[in-house]
């Protein structure tokens, strides 16, 4: 699933983890959420992310936190 959502290429945003097929770093989603920006507003600013991919990224992060806590 991760390969369907994200990619990293040295020539794209200096190799940052981005949403696949975009130049939007995944970090942007989480920085905005942490700042209290509603998901709908983030998606208005970055429509290329798409709700489905944004929600999948959030769920992957939650699962990782759960694994790390176990």
C-alpha atoms as a PDB file:
ATOM      1  CA  UNK A   1       0.000   0.000   0.000  1.00  0.00           C
ATOM      2  CA  UNK A   2       2.835   2.419   0.798  1.00  0.00           C
ATOM      3  CA  UNK A   3       4.150   2.145  -2.762  1.00  0.00           C
ATOM      4  CA  UNK A   4       0.709   3.095  -4.077  1.00  0.00           C
ATOM      5  CA  UNK A   5       0.652   6.264  -1.966  1.00  0.00           C
ATOM      6  CA  UNK A   6       4.187   7.589  -1.744  1.00  0.00           C
ATOM      7  CA  UNK A   7       7.420   7.769  -3.657  1.00  0.00           C
ATOM      8  CA  UNK A   8      10.827   9.267  -3.298  1.00  0.00           C
ATOM      9  CA  UNK A   9      13.060  10.255  -6.184  1.00  0.00           C
ATOM     10  CA  UNK A  10      16.305  12.200  -5.873  1.00  0.00           C
ATOM     11  CA  UNK A  11      15.187  14.612  -8.616  1.00  0.00           C
ATOM     12  CA  UNK A  12      11.783  15.343  -7.022  1.00  0.00           C
ATOM     13  CA  UNK A  13      11.787  17.760  -4.059  1.00  0.00           C
ATOM     14  CA  UNK A  14      15.364  16.737  -3.194  1.00  0.00           C
ATOM     15  CA  UNK A  15      14.312  13.142  -2.566  1.00  0.00           C
ATOM     16  CA  UNK A  16      11.625  13.946   0.018  1.00  0.00           C
ATOM     17  CA  UNK A  17       8.804  11.463   0.517  1.00  0.00           C
ATOM     18  CA  UNK A  18       5.980  12.781  -1.681  1.00  0.00           C
ATOM     19  CA  UNK A  19       2.495  11.694  -2.607  1.00  0.00           C
ATOM     20  CA  UNK A  20       2.979   9.507  -5.677  1.00  0.00           C
ATOM     21  CA  UNK A  21       2.711  11.383  -8.949  1.00  0.00           C
ATOM     22  CA  UNK A  22       2.973  14.789  -7.264  1.00  0.00           C
ATOM     23  CA  UNK A  23       5.630  17.089  -5.898  1.00  0.00           C
ATOM     24  CA  UNK A  24       3.734  17.433  -2.601  1.00  0.00           C
ATOM     25  CA  UNK A  25       5.751  16.228   0.385  1.00  0.00           C
ATOM     26  CA  UNK A  26       3.831  13.968   2.781  1.00  0.00           C
ATOM     27  CA  UNK A  27       5.221  16.148   5.537  1.00  0.00           C
ATOM     28  CA  UNK A  28       2.953  18.994   4.316  1.00  0.00           C
ATOM     29  CA  UNK A  29      -0.158  16.994   5.242  1.00  0.00           C
ATOM     30  CA  UNK A  30       1.027  16.256   8.770  1.00  0.00           C
ATOM     31  CA  UNK A  31       2.460  19.726   9.405  1.00  0.00           C
ATOM     32  CA  UNK A  32      -0.868  21.281   8.460  1.00  0.00           C
ATOM     33  CA  UNK A  33      -2.854  18.824  10.573  1.00  0.00           C
ATOM     34  CA  UNK A  34      -0.562  19.481  13.531  1.00  0.00           C
ATOM     35  CA  UNK A  35      -1.154  23.210  13.077  1.00  0.00           C
ATOM     36  CA  UNK A  36      -4.894  22.612  13.367  1.00  0.00           C
ATOM     37  CA  UNK A  37      -5.747  23.077   9.703  1.00  0.00           C
ATOM     38  CA  UNK A  38      -8.868  21.032   8.854  1.00  0.00           C
ATOM     39  CA  UNK A  39      -8.364  18.253   6.316  1.00  0.00           C
ATOM     40  CA  UNK A  40     -10.892  19.825   3.928  1.00  0.00           C
ATOM     41  CA  UNK A  41      -8.876  23.039   3.902  1.00  0.00           C
ATOM     42  CA  UNK A  42      -5.631  21.155   3.264  1.00  0.00           C
ATOM     43  CA  UNK A  43      -7.252  19.341   0.357  1.00  0.00           C
ATOM     44  CA  UNK A  44      -8.472  22.650  -1.070  1.00  0.00           C
ATOM     45  CA  UNK A  45      -4.893  23.926  -0.998  1.00  0.00           C
ATOM     46  CA  UNK A  46      -3.420  20.651  -2.306  1.00  0.00           C
ATOM     47  CA  UNK A  47      -6.134  18.987  -4.410  1.00  0.00           C
ATOM     48  CA  UNK A  48      -3.628  16.622  -6.042  1.00  0.00           C
ATOM     49  CA  UNK A  49      -3.365  14.724  -2.756  1.00  0.00           C
ATOM     50  CA  UNK A  50      -7.004  13.604  -2.834  1.00  0.00           C
ATOM     51  CA  UNK A  51      -9.101  12.684   0.193  1.00  0.00           C
ATOM     52  CA  UNK A  52      -8.604   8.942  -0.210  1.00  0.00           C
ATOM     53  CA  UNK A  53      -4.810   9.200  -0.226  1.00  0.00           C
ATOM     54  CA  UNK A  54      -4.770  11.714   2.634  1.00  0.00           C
ATOM     55  CA  UNK A  55      -6.941   9.473   4.802  1.00  0.00           C
ATOM     56  CA  UNK A  56      -4.844   6.424   3.902  1.00  0.00           C
ATOM     57  CA  UNK A  57      -1.668   8.292   4.885  1.00  0.00           C
ATOM     58  CA  UNK A  58      -3.217   9.232   8.233  1.00  0.00           C
ATOM     59  CA  UNK A  59      -4.279   5.632   8.885  1.00  0.00           C
ATOM     60  CA  UNK A  60      -0.798   4.352   8.013  1.00  0.00           C
ATOM     61  CA  UNK A  61       0.685   6.805  10.505  1.00  0.00           C
ATOM     62  CA  UNK A  62      -1.776   5.665  13.191  1.00  0.00           C
ATOM     63  CA  UNK A  63      -0.887   2.017  12.571  1.00  0.00           C
ATOM     64  CA  UNK A  64       2.812   2.830  12.806  1.00  0.00           C
ATOM     65  CA  UNK A  65       2.292   4.595  16.138  1.00  0.00           C
ATOM     66  CA  UNK A  66       0.358   1.577  17.407  1.00  0.00           C
ATOM     67  CA  UNK A  67       3.172  -0.781  16.330  1.00  0.00           C
ATOM     68  CA  UNK A  68       5.791   1.425  17.927  1.00  0.00           C
ATOM     69  CA  UNK A  69       3.825   1.555  21.190  1.00  0.00           C
ATOM     70  CA  UNK A  70       3.405  -2.220  21.368  1.00  0.00           C
END
